[in-house]
Amino acid sequence: MKALVKEKAQPGLRLADVPEPETGPGDVLIKVLRTGICGTDLHIRNWDGWARQTIRTPLVIGHEFVGEVVGTGRDVTDIKPGDRVSGEGHLVCGKCRNCLAGRRHLCRATVGLGVGRDGAFAEYVALPASNVWVHRVPVDLDVAAIFDPFGNAVHTALSFPLVGEDVLITGAGPIGLMAAAVARHAGARNVVVTDVSEERLDLARKIGVDLALNVSSARIADGQEQLGLREGFDIGLEMSGRPEALRDMIANMTHGGRIAMLGLPTEEFPVDWSRIVTSMITIKGIYGREMFETWYAMSVLLEGGLDLAPVITGRYDYRDFEAAFTDAASGRGGKVILDWTA
């Protein structure tokens, strides 16, 4: 089969012929239809410091996908050929304290699809049935392909109650944009998104945020004044991983404010802990999705009319992967999709 492979310990990817994945009695074989390009895939392509420490070559990359089931192992009873499915990209041990307690997203032995084992940028992918999400109602293929990052956005945005709250989102990348759509849909009073890219801020405006603020020329405090907020933001969703973004967020939170932090910093940095303590601010780290409560929430949000179409800005045939990756790495658009159905 054709697959996008990190063949050698150097920058770049190659479209290569590789064997189809083998399946065991508890596995599902899936014909891939669409895939989404993630920041993790960009790191692997660039072969940066994280990738050099994490990835063993050769490796089929990719973890965001939608496909059609073409085969199941003998122990699989609730998934059948023809089902339209996406996949949870975190494969867990099932035996540790958190797994046994139903907190699989906290498994310390997690293996990442397309990171620790061959992934979904291929014509076929195999997954344990316990990691397969069946779409029981019709979902647009492009949207179904990005259920993994959509789950990150939902997990972050729904960490705290949003109804009637003033929400600040720092970082208008694809996940930040999806979180903004969730916050608006879930009943937030004001949703403010910050970034330095006007193209991405325009996408935030299409989603319907109350204010898209370019922090290269304006302050978050200016946005507060523009919206008439007197005490600061109730909820913060930090999506950028930038030190200055988290510091500005903390400085503009109300007393008792709550911050969910998904953005992954590249290095340690100081923050004003005195402000956090005296303002009684809660900071919660977010990684991945809650299995599978977040997935239920995603499906229900889409059934309820949540529109993610503005977040998807690039669509390419998988053979044009170089152009697709360049688009995704530009920092100006939203999600980029590869079509594997040609």
C-alpha atoms as a PDB file:
ATOM      1  CA  MET A   1       0.000   0.000   0.000  1.00  0.00           C
ATOM      2  CA  LYS A   2       1.005   3.660  -0.350  1.00  0.00           C
ATOM      3  CA  ALA A   3       1.998   5.472   2.849  1.00  0.00           C
ATOM      4  CA  LEU A   4       3.773   8.636   3.989  1.00  0.00           C
ATOM      5  CA  VAL A   5       6.912   7.439   5.698  1.00  0.00           C
ATOM      6  CA  LYS A   6       9.651   8.989   7.806  1.00  0.00           C
ATOM      7  CA  GLU A   7      12.314   6.725   6.346  1.00  0.00           C
ATOM      8  CA  LYS A   8      15.518   8.184   7.736  1.00  0.00           C
ATOM      9  CA  ALA A   9      16.678  10.325  10.655  1.00  0.00           C
ATOM     10  CA  GLN A  10      16.680  13.530   8.632  1.00  0.00           C
ATOM     11  CA  PRO A  11      14.190  16.194   7.468  1.00  0.00           C
ATOM     12  CA  GLY A  12      11.523  15.202   4.972  1.00  0.00           C
ATOM     13  CA  LEU A  13       8.944  12.520   4.216  1.00  0.00           C
ATOM     14  CA  ARG A  14       8.575  10.011   1.398  1.00  0.00           C
ATOM     15  CA  LEU A  15       5.558   8.468  -0.273  1.00  0.00           C
ATOM     16  CA  ALA A  16       6.489   4.806  -0.334  1.00  0.00           C
ATOM     17  CA  ASP A  17       5.121   1.312  -0.820  1.00  0.00           C
ATOM     18  CA  VAL A  18       4.881  -0.535   2.497  1.00  0.00           C
ATOM     19  CA  PRO A  19       3.173  -3.770   3.598  1.00  0.00           C
ATOM     20  CA  GLU A  20      -0.454  -3.519   4.669  1.00  0.00           C
ATOM     21  CA  PRO A  21      -0.797  -3.599   8.480  1.00  0.00           C
ATOM     22  CA  GLU A  22      -1.315  -6.933  10.193  1.00  0.00           C
ATOM     23  CA  THR A  23      -4.311  -7.371  12.483  1.00  0.00           C
ATOM     24  CA  GLY A  24      -4.909  -9.488  15.553  1.00  0.00           C
ATOM     25  CA  PRO A  25      -8.103 -10.948  17.033  1.00  0.00           C
ATOM     26  CA  GLY A  26      -9.053  -7.664  18.736  1.00  0.00           C
ATOM     27  CA  ASP A  27      -8.109  -5.344  15.899  1.00  0.00           C
ATOM     28  CA  VAL A  28      -9.951  -3.492  13.145  1.00  0.00           C
ATOM     29  CA  LEU A  29      -8.578  -2.918   9.631  1.00  0.00           C
ATOM     30  CA  ILE A  30      -9.633   0.435   8.186  1.00  0.00           C
ATOM     31  CA  LYS A  31      -9.415   1.797   4.649  1.00  0.00           C
ATOM     32  CA  VAL A  32      -8.348   5.419   5.106  1.00  0.00           C
ATOM     33  CA  LEU A  33     -10.466   8.054   3.342  1.00  0.00           C
ATOM     34  CA  ARG A  34      -9.203  11.408   4.662  1.00  0.00           C
ATOM     35  CA  THR A  35      -6.474  12.510   7.072  1.00  0.00           C
ATOM     36  CA  GLY A  36      -5.658  15.770   8.847  1.00  0.00           C
ATOM     37  CA  ILE A  37      -2.160  17.203   9.183  1.00  0.00           C
ATOM     38  CA  CYS A  38      -1.189  17.937  12.793  1.00  0.00           C
ATOM     39  CA  GLY A  39       1.590  19.950  14.376  1.00  0.00           C
ATOM     40  CA  THR A  40       3.122  16.643  15.472  1.00  0.00           C
ATOM     41  CA  ASP A  41       3.412  15.611  11.814  1.00  0.00           C
ATOM     42  CA  LEU A  42       5.166  18.899  11.045  1.00  0.00           C
ATOM     43  CA  HIS A  43       7.666  18.274  13.850  1.00  0.00           C
ATOM     44  CA  ILE A  44       8.408  14.819  12.445  1.00  0.00           C
ATOM     45  CA  ARG A  45       8.794  16.153   8.917  1.00  0.00           C
ATOM     46  CA  ASN A  46      11.154  18.908  10.091  1.00  0.00           C
ATOM     47  CA  TRP A  47      13.086  16.442  12.280  1.00  0.00           C
ATOM     48  CA  ASP A  48      13.405  18.934  15.142  1.00  0.00           C
ATOM     49  CA  GLY A  49      14.728  18.255  18.626  1.00  0.00           C
ATOM     50  CA  TRP A  50      11.507  16.643  19.836  1.00  0.00           C
ATOM     51  CA  ALA A  51      11.330  14.351  16.805  1.00  0.00           C
ATOM     52  CA  ARG A  52      14.966  13.307  17.109  1.00  0.00           C
ATOM     53  CA  GLN A  53      14.372  12.244  20.713  1.00  0.00           C
ATOM     54  CA  THR A  54      10.998  10.584  20.124  1.00  0.00           C
ATOM     55  CA  ILE A  55      10.778   8.948  16.692  1.00  0.00           C
ATOM     56  CA  ARG A  56      12.318   5.698  15.567  1.00  0.00           C
ATOM     57  CA  THR A  57      12.595   5.290  11.798  1.00  0.00           C
ATOM     58  CA  PRO A  58      11.211   3.970   9.558  1.00  0.00           C
ATOM     59  CA  LEU A  59       7.707   5.033  10.597  1.00  0.00           C
ATOM     60  CA  VAL A  60       4.364   5.597   8.872  1.00  0.00           C
ATOM     61  CA  ILE A  61       3.209   8.901  10.382  1.00  0.00           C
ATOM     62  CA  GLY A  62      -0.209  10.456  11.003  1.00  0.00           C
ATOM     63  CA  HIS A  63      -2.974  10.040  13.571  1.00  0.00           C
ATOM     64  CA  GLU A  64      -5.930  12.169  12.416  1.00  0.00           C
ATOM     65  CA  PHE A  65      -8.163  10.187  10.064  1.00  0.00           C
ATOM     66  CA  VAL A  66     -11.536   8.914   8.985  1.00  0.00           C
ATOM     67  CA  GLY A  67     -12.014   5.647   7.159  1.00  0.00           C
ATOM     68  CA  GLU A  68     -14.205   2.672   6.410  1.00  0.00           C
ATOM     69  CA  VAL A  69     -13.888  -0.646   8.194  1.00  0.00           C
ATOM     70  CA  VAL A  70     -12.876  -3.445   5.814  1.00  0.00           C
ATOM     71  CA  GLY A  71     -12.052  -6.194   8.298  1.00  0.00           C
ATOM     72  CA  THR A  72     -12.328  -7.143  11.965  1.00  0.00           C
ATOM     73  CA  GLY A  73     -10.640  -9.671  14.214  1.00  0.00           C
ATOM     74  CA  ARG A  74     -12.522 -12.674  15.574  1.00  0.00           C
ATOM     75  CA  ASP A  75     -12.997 -11.060  19.012  1.00  0.00           C
ATOM     76  CA  VAL A  76     -14.553  -7.842  17.631  1.00  0.00           C
ATOM     77  CA  THR A  77     -18.330  -7.935  17.969  1.00  0.00           C
ATOM     78  CA  ASP A  78     -19.610  -4.340  17.907  1.00  0.00           C
ATOM     79  CA  ILE A  79     -17.840  -3.012  14.786  1.00  0.00           C
ATOM     80  CA  LYS A  80     -18.540  -4.327  11.296  1.00  0.00           C
ATOM     81  CA  PRO A  81     -17.239  -3.851   7.747  1.00  0.00           C
ATOM     82  CA  GLY A  82     -18.710  -0.766   6.151  1.00  0.00           C
ATOM     83  CA  ASP A  83     -18.790   1.269   9.366  1.00  0.00           C
ATOM     84  CA  ARG A  84     -17.497   4.851   9.014  1.00  0.00           C
ATOM     85  CA  VAL A  85     -14.950   5.386  11.784  1.00  0.00           C
ATOM     86  CA  SER A  86     -12.329   7.684  13.269  1.00  0.00           C
ATOM     87  CA  GLY A  87      -9.663   6.611  15.727  1.00  0.00           C
ATOM     88  CA  GLU A  88      -8.440   7.582  19.182  1.00  0.00           C
ATOM     89  CA  GLY A  89      -4.699   8.000  18.614  1.00  0.00           C
ATOM     90  CA  HIS A  90      -3.629   7.279  22.198  1.00  0.00           C
ATOM     91  CA  LEU A  91      -3.208   3.539  22.740  1.00  0.00           C
ATOM     92  CA  VAL A  92      -3.168   2.728  26.453  1.00  0.00           C
ATOM     93  CA  CYS A  93      -2.013  -0.241  28.513  1.00  0.00           C
ATOM     94  CA  GLY A  94      -5.374  -1.105  30.107  1.00  0.00           C
ATOM     95  CA  LYS A  95      -3.637  -2.365  33.258  1.00  0.00           C
ATOM     96  CA  CYS A  96      -2.335   0.635  35.209  1.00  0.00           C
ATOM     97  CA  ARG A  97      -4.196   2.295  38.061  1.00  0.00           C
ATOM     98  CA  ASN A  98      -5.722   4.999  35.870  1.00  0.00           C
ATOM     99  CA  CYS A  99      -6.771   2.616  33.093  1.00  0.00           C
ATOM    100  CA  LEU A 100      -8.426   0.259  35.573  1.00  0.00           C
ATOM    101  CA  ALA A 101     -10.241   3.227  37.123  1.00  0.00           C
ATOM    102  CA  GLY A 102     -11.614   4.312  33.736  1.00  0.00           C
ATOM    103  CA  ARG A 103      -9.210   7.255  33.392  1.00  0.00           C
ATOM    104  CA  ARG A 104      -7.524   5.982  30.260  1.00  0.00           C
ATOM    105  CA  HIS A 105      -6.458   9.451  29.127  1.00  0.00           C
ATOM    106  CA  LEU A 106      -4.107   9.492  32.154  1.00  0.00           C
ATOM    107  CA  CYS A 107      -2.296   6.234  31.281  1.00  0.00           C
ATOM    108  CA  ARG A 108       1.432   6.632  31.830  1.00  0.00           C
ATOM    109  CA  ALA A 109       2.215   3.958  29.221  1.00  0.00           C
ATOM    110  CA  THR A 110       0.380   5.640  26.328  1.00  0.00           C
ATOM    111  CA  VAL A 111       1.680   4.905  22.816  1.00  0.00           C
ATOM    112  CA  GLY A 112       0.857   7.439  20.110  1.00  0.00           C
ATOM    113  CA  LEU A 113      -0.459   6.390  16.702  1.00  0.00           C
ATOM    114  CA  GLY A 114       1.957   7.700  14.082  1.00  0.00           C
ATOM    115  CA  VAL A 115       4.515   8.435  16.801  1.00  0.00           C
ATOM    116  CA  GLY A 116       5.222   5.238  18.731  1.00  0.00           C
ATOM    117  CA  ARG A 117       3.734   2.899  16.101  1.00  0.00           C
ATOM    118  CA  ASP A 118       2.814   3.084  12.412  1.00  0.00           C
ATOM    119  CA  GLY A 119       0.066   5.594  11.778  1.00  0.00           C
ATOM    120  CA  ALA A 120      -2.778   6.586   9.487  1.00  0.00           C
ATOM    121  CA  PHE A 121      -1.144   8.451   6.594  1.00  0.00           C
ATOM    122  CA  ALA A 122      -1.605   5.357   4.462  1.00  0.00           C
ATOM    123  CA  GLU A 123      -4.212   3.523   2.439  1.00  0.00           C
ATOM    124  CA  TYR A 124      -4.945   1.264   5.421  1.00  0.00           C
ATOM    125  CA  VAL A 125      -4.487   1.498   9.183  1.00  0.00           C
ATOM    126  CA  ALA A 126      -5.056  -1.079  11.928  1.00  0.00           C
ATOM    127  CA  LEU A 127      -6.252  -0.212  15.427  1.00  0.00           C
ATOM    128  CA  PRO A 128      -7.496  -2.084  18.489  1.00  0.00           C
ATOM    129  CA  ALA A 129     -11.287  -2.078  18.476  1.00  0.00           C
ATOM    130  CA  SER A 130     -11.184  -0.221  21.809  1.00  0.00           C
ATOM    131  CA  ASN A 131      -9.642   2.769  19.993  1.00  0.00           C
ATOM    132  CA  VAL A 132     -12.178   2.912  17.163  1.00  0.00           C
ATOM    133  CA  TRP A 133     -14.998   5.458  17.191  1.00  0.00           C
ATOM    134  CA  VAL A 134     -17.959   4.560  14.974  1.00  0.00           C
ATOM    135  CA  HIS A 135     -19.867   7.508  13.522  1.00  0.00           C
ATOM    136  CA  ARG A 136     -23.471   6.490  14.155  1.00  0.00           C
ATOM    137  CA  VAL A 137     -24.878   9.564  12.394  1.00  0.00           C
ATOM    138  CA  PRO A 138     -23.670  11.115   9.123  1.00  0.00           C
ATOM    139  CA  VAL A 139     -20.622  13.378   9.521  1.00  0.00           C
ATOM    140  CA  ASP A 140     -18.812  15.317   6.796  1.00  0.00           C
ATOM    141  CA  LEU A 141     -15.656  13.373   5.900  1.00  0.00           C
ATOM    142  CA  ASP A 142     -13.358  16.367   6.382  1.00  0.00           C
ATOM    143  CA  VAL A 143     -14.789  16.976   9.860  1.00  0.00           C
ATOM    144  CA  ALA A 144     -14.625  13.295  10.767  1.00  0.00           C
ATOM    145  CA  ALA A 145     -10.947  13.302   9.752  1.00  0.00           C
ATOM    146  CA  ILE A 146     -10.150  15.876  12.445  1.00  0.00           C
ATOM    147  CA  PHE A 147     -12.026  14.345  15.365  1.00  0.00           C
ATOM    148  CA  ASP A 148      -8.699  13.870  17.168  1.00  0.00           C
ATOM    149  CA  PRO A 149      -7.783  17.610  17.335  1.00  0.00           C
ATOM    150  CA  PHE A 150     -11.452  18.543  17.660  1.00  0.00           C
ATOM    151  CA  GLY A 151     -11.376  16.393  20.782  1.00  0.00           C
ATOM    152  CA  ASN A 152      -8.454  18.414  22.127  1.00  0.00           C
ATOM    153  CA  ALA A 153     -10.496  21.569  21.633  1.00  0.00           C
ATOM    154  CA  VAL A 154     -13.609  20.093  23.270  1.00  0.00           C
ATOM    155  CA  HIS A 155     -11.640  18.656  26.208  1.00  0.00           C
ATOM    156  CA  THR A 156     -10.057  22.068  26.810  1.00  0.00           C
ATOM    157  CA  ALA A 157     -13.134  24.230  26.270  1.00  0.00           C
ATOM    158  CA  LEU A 158     -15.454  22.079  28.398  1.00  0.00           C
ATOM    159  CA  SER A 159     -13.040  21.756  31.326  1.00  0.00           C
ATOM    160  CA  PHE A 160     -15.036  24.484  33.078  1.00  0.00           C
ATOM    161  CA  PRO A 161     -18.680  25.637  32.750  1.00  0.00           C
ATOM    162  CA  LEU A 162     -18.985  28.244  29.989  1.00  0.00           C
ATOM    163  CA  VAL A 163     -22.594  29.430  30.108  1.00  0.00           C
ATOM    164  CA  GLY A 164     -22.699  33.193  30.583  1.00  0.00           C
ATOM    165  CA  GLU A 165     -18.910  33.435  31.051  1.00  0.00           C
ATOM    166  CA  ASP A 166     -16.375  35.727  29.384  1.00  0.00           C
ATOM    167  CA  VAL A 167     -13.810  33.518  27.642  1.00  0.00           C
ATOM    168  CA  LEU A 168     -10.306  34.437  26.487  1.00  0.00           C
ATOM    169  CA  ILE A 169      -8.557  32.129  23.989  1.00  0.00           C
ATOM    170  CA  THR A 170      -4.880  32.807  23.278  1.00  0.00           C
ATOM    171  CA  GLY A 171      -3.829  31.280  19.964  1.00  0.00           C
ATOM    172  CA  ALA A 172      -5.979  31.104  16.808  1.00  0.00           C
ATOM    173  CA  GLY A 173      -4.457  27.944  15.403  1.00  0.00           C
ATOM    174  CA  PRO A 174      -6.845  25.195  14.283  1.00  0.00           C
ATOM    175  CA  ILE A 175      -7.505  23.888  17.808  1.00  0.00           C
ATOM    176  CA  GLY A 176      -7.939  27.391  19.209  1.00  0.00           C
ATOM    177  CA  LEU A 177     -10.447  28.130  16.449  1.00  0.00           C
ATOM    178  CA  MET A 178     -12.385  24.950  17.197  1.00  0.00           C
ATOM    179  CA  ALA A 179     -12.367  25.795  20.914  1.00  0.00           C
ATOM    180  CA  ALA A 180     -13.780  29.223  20.064  1.00  0.00           C
ATOM    181  CA  ALA A 181     -16.590  27.592  18.090  1.00  0.00           C
ATOM    182  CA  VAL A 182     -17.323  25.265  21.020  1.00  0.00           C
ATOM    183  CA  ALA A 183     -17.337  28.135  23.533  1.00  0.00           C
ATOM    184  CA  ARG A 184     -19.722  30.152  21.379  1.00  0.00           C
ATOM    185  CA  HIS A 185     -21.985  27.121  20.861  1.00  0.00           C
ATOM    186  CA  ALA A 186     -21.916  26.242  24.576  1.00  0.00           C
ATOM    187  CA  GLY A 187     -23.289  29.610  25.681  1.00  0.00           C
ATOM    188  CA  ALA A 188     -20.344  31.834  26.596  1.00  0.00           C
ATOM    189  CA  ARG A 189     -21.258  35.515  26.895  1.00  0.00           C
ATOM    190  CA  ASN A 190     -18.130  36.877  25.193  1.00  0.00           C
ATOM    191  CA  VAL A 191     -15.464  34.935  23.293  1.00  0.00           C
ATOM    192  CA  VAL A 192     -12.183  36.730  22.601  1.00  0.00           C
ATOM    193  CA  VAL A 193      -9.420  35.169  20.486  1.00  0.00           C
ATOM    194  CA  THR A 194      -5.888  36.552  20.255  1.00  0.00           C
ATOM    195  CA  ASP A 195      -3.122  35.878  17.720  1.00  0.00           C
ATOM    196  CA  VAL A 196      -0.568  37.712  15.583  1.00  0.00           C
ATOM    197  CA  SER A 197      -1.829  36.309  12.257  1.00  0.00           C
ATOM    198  CA  GLU A 198      -4.549  38.388  10.619  1.00  0.00           C
ATOM    199  CA  GLU A 199      -5.459  35.462   8.364  1.00  0.00           C
ATOM    200  CA  ARG A 200      -6.219  33.272  11.359  1.00  0.00           C
ATOM    201  CA  LEU A 201      -8.004  36.084  13.167  1.00  0.00           C
ATOM    202  CA  ASP A 202     -10.223  36.437  10.085  1.00  0.00           C
ATOM    203  CA  LEU A 203     -11.104  32.755  10.473  1.00  0.00           C
ATOM    204  CA  ALA A 204     -12.026  33.448  14.099  1.00  0.00           C
ATOM    205  CA  ARG A 205     -14.354  36.218  12.924  1.00  0.00           C
ATOM    206  CA  LYS A 206     -16.023  33.800  10.490  1.00  0.00           C
ATOM    207  CA  ILE A 207     -16.633  31.455  13.419  1.00  0.00           C
ATOM    208  CA  GLY A 208     -18.458  34.301  15.163  1.00  0.00           C
ATOM    209  CA  VAL A 209     -16.220  35.345  18.053  1.00  0.00           C
ATOM    210  CA  ASP A 210     -17.027  38.648  19.724  1.00  0.00           C
ATOM    211  CA  LEU A 211     -13.503  39.984  19.301  1.00  0.00           C
ATOM    212  CA  ALA A 212     -10.465  38.768  17.340  1.00  0.00           C
ATOM    213  CA  LEU A 213      -7.502  40.719  18.699  1.00  0.00           C
ATOM    214  CA  ASN A 214      -4.095  41.072  17.049  1.00  0.00           C
ATOM    215  CA  VAL A 215      -1.767  41.257  20.049  1.00  0.00           C
ATOM    216  CA  SER A 216       1.103  42.533  17.923  1.00  0.00           C
ATOM    217  CA  SER A 217      -0.676  45.905  17.868  1.00  0.00           C
ATOM    218  CA  ALA A 218      -3.180  45.810  20.756  1.00  0.00           C
ATOM    219  CA  ARG A 219      -3.321  44.604  24.361  1.00  0.00           C
ATOM    220  CA  ILE A 220      -5.747  42.134  25.899  1.00  0.00           C
ATOM    221  CA  ALA A 221      -6.627  44.945  28.316  1.00  0.00           C
ATOM    222  CA  ASP A 222      -7.724  46.988  25.295  1.00  0.00           C
ATOM    223  CA  GLY A 223     -10.061  44.170  24.326  1.00  0.00           C
ATOM    224  CA  GLN A 224     -11.523  44.111  27.814  1.00  0.00           C
ATOM    225  CA  GLU A 225     -12.240  47.821  27.592  1.00  0.00           C
ATOM    226  CA  GLN A 226     -13.765  47.474  24.142  1.00  0.00           C
ATOM    227  CA  LEU A 227     -16.203  44.828  25.424  1.00  0.00           C
ATOM    228  CA  GLY A 228     -16.933  46.661  28.671  1.00  0.00           C
ATOM    229  CA  LEU A 229     -15.505  43.962  30.949  1.00  0.00           C
ATOM    230  CA  ARG A 230     -14.767  45.468  34.353  1.00  0.00           C
ATOM    231  CA  GLU A 231     -13.291  42.546  36.288  1.00  0.00           C
ATOM    232  CA  GLY A 232     -11.422  40.454  33.719  1.00  0.00           C
ATOM    233  CA  PHE A 233     -12.086  37.133  32.023  1.00  0.00           C
ATOM    234  CA  ASP A 234     -13.762  34.235  33.791  1.00  0.00           C
ATOM    235  CA  ILE A 235     -12.296  31.452  31.658  1.00  0.00           C
ATOM    236  CA  GLY A 236      -8.975  31.282  29.833  1.00  0.00           C
ATOM    237  CA  LEU A 237      -8.075  28.698  27.177  1.00  0.00           C
ATOM    238  CA  GLU A 238      -4.340  28.865  26.435  1.00  0.00           C
ATOM    239  CA  MET A 239      -3.703  27.301  23.017  1.00  0.00           C
ATOM    240  CA  SER A 240      -0.438  28.874  21.855  1.00  0.00           C
ATOM    241  CA  GLY A 241       2.275  27.575  24.172  1.00  0.00           C
ATOM    242  CA  ARG A 242       3.759  31.078  24.159  1.00  0.00           C
ATOM    243  CA  PRO A 243       5.115  32.482  27.455  1.00  0.00           C
ATOM    244  CA  GLU A 244       3.837  35.991  26.761  1.00  0.00           C
ATOM    245  CA  ALA A 245       0.360  34.651  26.002  1.00  0.00           C
ATOM    246  CA  LEU A 246       0.017  32.856  29.338  1.00  0.00           C
ATOM    247  CA  ARG A 247       1.441  35.830  31.241  1.00  0.00           C
ATOM    248  CA  ASP A 248      -1.028  38.216  29.584  1.00  0.00           C
ATOM    249  CA  MET A 249      -3.867  35.794  30.209  1.00  0.00           C
ATOM    250  CA  ILE A 250      -3.051  35.570  33.921  1.00  0.00           C
ATOM    251  CA  ALA A 251      -2.828  39.367  34.135  1.00  0.00           C
ATOM    252  CA  ASN A 252      -6.326  39.722  32.656  1.00  0.00           C
ATOM    253  CA  MET A 253      -8.233  37.069  34.616  1.00  0.00           C
ATOM    254  CA  THR A 254     -10.864  37.896  37.191  1.00  0.00           C
ATOM    255  CA  HIS A 255     -10.361  36.764  40.800  1.00  0.00           C
ATOM    256  CA  GLY A 256     -11.226  33.099  40.930  1.00  0.00           C
ATOM    257  CA  GLY A 257     -10.700  32.761  37.181  1.00  0.00           C
ATOM    258  CA  ARG A 258      -9.978  29.356  35.648  1.00  0.00           C
ATOM    259  CA  ILE A 259      -7.438  28.550  32.942  1.00  0.00           C
ATOM    260  CA  ALA A 260      -7.244  25.373  30.843  1.00  0.00           C
ATOM    261  CA  MET A 261      -3.818  25.078  29.229  1.00  0.00           C
ATOM    262  CA  LEU A 262      -3.403  22.973  26.074  1.00  0.00           C
ATOM    263  CA  GLY A 263      -0.599  24.926  24.378  1.00  0.00           C
ATOM    264  CA  LEU A 264       2.696  23.096  24.837  1.00  0.00           C
ATOM    265  CA  PRO A 265       5.670  25.392  25.590  1.00  0.00           C
ATOM    266  CA  THR A 266       9.018  24.534  24.027  1.00  0.00           C
ATOM    267  CA  GLU A 267      10.906  25.451  27.212  1.00  0.00           C
ATOM    268  CA  GLU A 268      10.391  26.458  30.828  1.00  0.00           C
ATOM    269  CA  PHE A 269       9.420  30.067  31.566  1.00  0.00           C
ATOM    270  CA  PRO A 270       8.461  32.142  34.620  1.00  0.00           C
ATOM    271  CA  VAL A 271       4.943  33.316  35.442  1.00  0.00           C
ATOM    272  CA  ASP A 272       3.582  35.606  38.155  1.00  0.00           C
ATOM    273  CA  TRP A 273       2.752  33.018  40.812  1.00  0.00           C
ATOM    274  CA  SER A 274       1.921  35.755  43.292  1.00  0.00           C
ATOM    275  CA  ARG A 275      -0.885  36.894  41.025  1.00  0.00           C
ATOM    276  CA  ILE A 276      -2.102  33.309  40.644  1.00  0.00           C
ATOM    277  CA  VAL A 277      -2.169  32.842  44.412  1.00  0.00           C
ATOM    278  CA  THR A 278      -3.681  36.164  45.427  1.00  0.00           C
ATOM    279  CA  SER A 279      -6.273  36.056  42.624  1.00  0.00           C
ATOM    280  CA  MET A 280      -7.032  32.397  43.423  1.00  0.00           C
ATOM    281  CA  ILE A 281      -6.644  31.382  39.769  1.00  0.00           C
ATOM    282  CA  THR A 282      -6.980  27.706  38.826  1.00  0.00           C
ATOM    283  CA  ILE A 283      -4.715  26.345  36.068  1.00  0.00           C
ATOM    284  CA  LYS A 284      -5.480  22.915  34.597  1.00  0.00           C
ATOM    285  CA  GLY A 285      -3.213  21.118  32.142  1.00  0.00           C
ATOM    286  CA  ILE A 286      -4.921  19.391  29.206  1.00  0.00           C
ATOM    287  CA  TYR A 287      -3.506  16.591  27.068  1.00  0.00           C
ATOM    288  CA  GLY A 288      -5.469  14.660  24.467  1.00  0.00           C
ATOM    289  CA  ARG A 289      -9.053  13.633  25.027  1.00  0.00           C
ATOM    290  CA  GLU A 290     -11.019  11.900  27.771  1.00  0.00           C
ATOM    291  CA  MET A 291     -11.718   8.415  26.444  1.00  0.00           C
ATOM    292  CA  PHE A 292     -14.473   8.372  25.453  1.00  0.00           C
ATOM    293  CA  GLU A 293     -16.508  11.058  27.169  1.00  0.00           C
ATOM    294  CA  THR A 294     -14.976  13.751  24.968  1.00  0.00           C
ATOM    295  CA  TRP A 295     -15.887  11.743  21.854  1.00  0.00           C
ATOM    296  CA  TYR A 296     -19.528  11.597  22.919  1.00  0.00           C
ATOM    297  CA  ALA A 297     -19.467  15.360  23.468  1.00  0.00           C
ATOM    298  CA  MET A 298     -17.975  15.937  20.007  1.00  0.00           C
ATOM    299  CA  SER A 299     -20.662  13.926  18.261  1.00  0.00           C
ATOM    300  CA  VAL A 300     -23.432  15.595  20.226  1.00  0.00           C
ATOM    301  CA  LEU A 301     -22.073  19.081  19.521  1.00  0.00           C
ATOM    302  CA  LEU A 302     -22.064  18.366  15.786  1.00  0.00           C
ATOM    303  CA  GLU A 303     -25.582  16.906  15.959  1.00  0.00           C
ATOM    304  CA  GLY A 304     -26.587  20.129  17.727  1.00  0.00           C
ATOM    305  CA  GLY A 305     -25.432  22.286  14.827  1.00  0.00           C
ATOM    306  CA  LEU A 306     -21.818  23.160  15.660  1.00  0.00           C
ATOM    307  CA  ASP A 307     -20.179  24.197  12.374  1.00  0.00           C
ATOM    308  CA  LEU A 308     -16.467  23.470  11.898  1.00  0.00           C
ATOM    309  CA  ALA A 309     -16.390  24.188   8.157  1.00  0.00           C
ATOM    310  CA  PRO A 310     -14.552  27.548   8.526  1.00  0.00           C
ATOM    311  CA  VAL A 311     -11.687  25.791  10.341  1.00  0.00           C
ATOM    312  CA  ILE A 312     -10.810  23.611   7.313  1.00  0.00           C
ATOM    313  CA  THR A 313      -8.919  25.739   4.793  1.00  0.00           C
ATOM    314  CA  GLY A 314      -6.815  23.316   2.735  1.00  0.00           C
ATOM    315  CA  ARG A 315      -7.680  20.120   0.835  1.00  0.00           C
ATOM    316  CA  TYR A 316      -5.113  18.103  -1.137  1.00  0.00           C
ATOM    317  CA  ASP A 317      -4.703  14.750  -2.819  1.00  0.00           C
ATOM    318  CA  TYR A 318      -2.319  12.637  -0.730  1.00  0.00           C
ATOM    319  CA  ARG A 319       0.178  12.609  -3.610  1.00  0.00           C
ATOM    320  CA  ASP A 320       0.452  16.397  -3.233  1.00  0.00           C
ATOM    321  CA  PHE A 321       1.591  16.008   0.381  1.00  0.00           C
ATOM    322  CA  GLU A 322       4.538  18.382  -0.002  1.00  0.00           C
ATOM    323  CA  ALA A 323       2.236  21.289  -0.903  1.00  0.00           C
ATOM    324  CA  ALA A 324      -0.170  20.266   1.850  1.00  0.00           C
ATOM    325  CA  PHE A 325       2.555  20.232   4.503  1.00  0.00           C
ATOM    326  CA  THR A 326       3.859  23.608   3.314  1.00  0.00           C
ATOM    327  CA  ASP A 327       0.336  25.002   3.637  1.00  0.00           C
ATOM    328  CA  ALA A 328      -0.068  23.539   7.126  1.00  0.00           C
ATOM    329  CA  ALA A 329       3.297  24.928   8.226  1.00  0.00           C
ATOM    330  CA  SER A 330       2.578  28.458   6.989  1.00  0.00           C
ATOM    331  CA  GLY A 331       0.809  29.492  10.196  1.00  0.00           C
ATOM    332  CA  ARG A 332      -1.798  31.407   8.234  1.00  0.00           C
ATOM    333  CA  GLY A 333      -4.645  28.946   7.767  1.00  0.00           C
ATOM    334  CA  GLY A 334      -6.680  26.322   9.563  1.00  0.00           C
ATOM    335  CA  LYS A 335      -6.738  22.545   9.204  1.00  0.00           C
ATOM    336  CA  VAL A 336      -5.296  20.921   6.091  1.00  0.00           C
ATOM    337  CA  ILE A 337      -6.836  17.667   4.798  1.00  0.00           C
ATOM    338  CA  LEU A 338      -5.279  14.897   2.661  1.00  0.00           C
ATOM    339  CA  ASP A 339      -7.672  12.866   0.485  1.00  0.00           C
ATOM    340  CA  TRP A 340      -6.720   9.181   0.149  1.00  0.00           C
ATOM    341  CA  THR A 341      -9.662   8.123  -2.044  1.00  0.00           C
ATOM    342  CA  ALA A 342      -8.085   8.768  -5.464  1.00  0.00           C
END
